[in-house]
Amino acid sequence: RGLEELLESKTGINTMTAEDPMKCVAIGTGKYVEMLSGNYQDDDKGM
């Protein structure tokens, strides 16, 4: 607990805790693979 606030205060980067971290990793990995293959389109503006 408190990691989100610590990271924000030390880096100045906005952070948030994901409700479903595994889903975020899966979606992010999929987007990265699409970027590598040249087929990436950011259709999810507010994930």
N, C-alpha and C. Protein backbone atom coordinates (compact mmCIF):
# COMPACT_ATOMS: atom_id res chain seq x y z
N ARG A 1 0.84 -1.19 0.00
CA ARG A 1 0.00 0.00 0.00
C ARG A 1 0.88 1.25 0.00
N GLY A 2 0.39 2.26 -0.72
CA GLY A 2 1.13 3.50 -0.77
C GLY A 2 2.14 3.59 -1.90
N LEU A 3 2.33 2.49 -2.64
CA LEU A 3 3.32 2.48 -3.72
C LEU A 3 2.94 3.47 -4.81
N GLU A 4 1.65 3.53 -5.14
CA GLU A 4 1.18 4.45 -6.17
C GLU A 4 1.55 5.90 -5.83
N GLU A 5 1.28 6.31 -4.59
CA GLU A 5 1.59 7.67 -4.17
C GLU A 5 3.10 7.92 -4.13
N LEU A 6 3.86 6.94 -3.69
CA LEU A 6 5.31 7.08 -3.63
C LEU A 6 5.89 7.27 -5.03
N LEU A 7 5.45 6.46 -5.98
CA LEU A 7 5.94 6.58 -7.36
C LEU A 7 5.58 7.95 -7.94
N GLU A 8 4.35 8.41 -7.69
CA GLU A 8 3.95 9.72 -8.19
C GLU A 8 4.81 10.82 -7.60
N SER A 9 5.03 10.78 -6.30
CA SER A 9 5.79 11.86 -5.67
C SER A 9 7.26 11.87 -6.09
N LYS A 10 7.84 10.71 -6.32
CA LYS A 10 9.25 10.63 -6.68
C LYS A 10 9.51 10.88 -8.17
N THR A 11 8.54 10.51 -9.03
CA THR A 11 8.76 10.62 -10.47
C THR A 11 8.00 11.76 -11.13
N GLY A 12 6.91 12.21 -10.50
CA GLY A 12 6.07 13.23 -11.11
C GLY A 12 5.17 12.67 -12.20
N ILE A 13 5.12 11.34 -12.31
CA ILE A 13 4.29 10.68 -13.32
C ILE A 13 2.99 10.23 -12.66
N ASN A 14 1.85 10.55 -13.29
CA ASN A 14 0.57 10.11 -12.76
C ASN A 14 0.48 8.59 -12.79
N THR A 15 -0.01 8.01 -11.71
CA THR A 15 -0.14 6.56 -11.63
C THR A 15 -1.55 6.19 -11.20
N MET A 16 -1.91 4.95 -11.43
CA MET A 16 -3.18 4.42 -10.95
C MET A 16 -3.03 2.92 -10.75
N THR A 17 -3.78 2.38 -9.82
CA THR A 17 -3.75 0.95 -9.56
C THR A 17 -4.82 0.29 -10.41
N ALA A 18 -4.42 -0.69 -11.19
CA ALA A 18 -5.36 -1.38 -12.08
C ALA A 18 -6.26 -2.31 -11.28
N GLU A 19 -7.54 -2.37 -11.67
CA GLU A 19 -8.46 -3.31 -11.04
C GLU A 19 -8.08 -4.74 -11.40
N ASP A 20 -7.62 -4.94 -12.62
CA ASP A 20 -7.28 -6.29 -13.11
C ASP A 20 -5.89 -6.24 -13.74
N PRO A 21 -4.83 -6.32 -12.92
CA PRO A 21 -3.47 -6.17 -13.43
C PRO A 21 -3.09 -7.18 -14.51
N MET A 22 -3.55 -8.41 -14.40
CA MET A 22 -3.21 -9.43 -15.40
C MET A 22 -3.79 -9.07 -16.77
N LYS A 23 -5.01 -8.51 -16.77
CA LYS A 23 -5.63 -8.09 -18.03
C LYS A 23 -4.83 -6.93 -18.63
N CYS A 24 -4.37 -6.01 -17.80
CA CYS A 24 -3.56 -4.89 -18.30
C CYS A 24 -2.27 -5.39 -18.93
N VAL A 25 -1.64 -6.37 -18.31
CA VAL A 25 -0.41 -6.93 -18.87
C VAL A 25 -0.70 -7.60 -20.20
N ALA A 26 -1.79 -8.36 -20.27
CA ALA A 26 -2.14 -9.06 -21.51
C ALA A 26 -2.43 -8.07 -22.63
N ILE A 27 -3.19 -7.03 -22.34
CA ILE A 27 -3.52 -6.02 -23.36
C ILE A 27 -2.26 -5.28 -23.79
N GLY A 28 -1.43 -4.88 -22.83
CA GLY A 28 -0.19 -4.17 -23.15
C GLY A 28 0.76 -5.01 -23.97
N THR A 29 0.86 -6.29 -23.65
CA THR A 29 1.72 -7.19 -24.42
C THR A 29 1.21 -7.34 -25.84
N GLY A 30 -0.11 -7.47 -25.98
CA GLY A 30 -0.70 -7.56 -27.32
C GLY A 30 -0.44 -6.32 -28.14
N LYS A 31 -0.56 -5.14 -27.52
CA LYS A 31 -0.29 -3.89 -28.24
C LYS A 31 1.18 -3.81 -28.65
N TYR A 32 2.07 -4.26 -27.79
CA TYR A 32 3.50 -4.25 -28.11
C TYR A 32 3.81 -5.16 -29.29
N VAL A 33 3.22 -6.35 -29.29
CA VAL A 33 3.43 -7.28 -30.40
C VAL A 33 2.91 -6.68 -31.70
N GLU A 34 1.75 -6.01 -31.65
CA GLU A 34 1.21 -5.35 -32.84
C GLU A 34 2.14 -4.24 -33.31
N MET A 35 2.72 -3.49 -32.37
CA MET A 35 3.66 -2.43 -32.75
C MET A 35 4.87 -3.01 -33.45
N LEU A 36 5.38 -4.12 -32.94
CA LEU A 36 6.55 -4.76 -33.57
C LEU A 36 6.24 -5.24 -34.98
N SER A 37 5.01 -5.68 -35.20
CA SER A 37 4.64 -6.20 -36.52
C SER A 37 4.17 -5.10 -37.46
N GLY A 38 4.04 -3.87 -36.95
CA GLY A 38 3.63 -2.75 -37.79
C GLY A 38 2.13 -2.62 -37.96
N ASN A 39 1.34 -3.33 -37.16
CA ASN A 39 -0.12 -3.30 -37.28
C ASN A 39 -0.80 -2.58 -36.14
N TYR A 40 -0.09 -1.77 -35.38
CA TYR A 40 -0.64 -1.16 -34.17
C TYR A 40 -1.53 0.03 -34.50
N GLN A 41 -2.73 0.04 -33.88
CA GLN A 41 -3.62 1.19 -33.91
C GLN A 41 -4.17 1.35 -32.50
N ASP A 42 -4.03 2.54 -31.92
CA ASP A 42 -4.50 2.76 -30.55
C ASP A 42 -5.98 3.07 -30.58
N ASP A 43 -6.80 2.03 -30.49
CA ASP A 43 -8.25 2.19 -30.50
C ASP A 43 -8.82 2.39 -29.11
N ASP A 44 -8.02 2.16 -28.08
CA ASP A 44 -8.48 2.24 -26.70
C ASP A 44 -7.87 3.47 -26.05
N LYS A 45 -8.51 4.62 -26.21
CA LYS A 45 -7.94 5.89 -25.76
C LYS A 45 -7.90 6.04 -24.25
N GLY A 46 -8.79 5.37 -23.51
CA GLY A 46 -8.85 5.60 -22.08
C GLY A 46 -8.62 4.40 -21.22
N MET A 47 -8.07 3.38 -21.75
CA MET A 47 -7.89 2.15 -21.00
C MET A 47 -7.50 2.45 -19.62
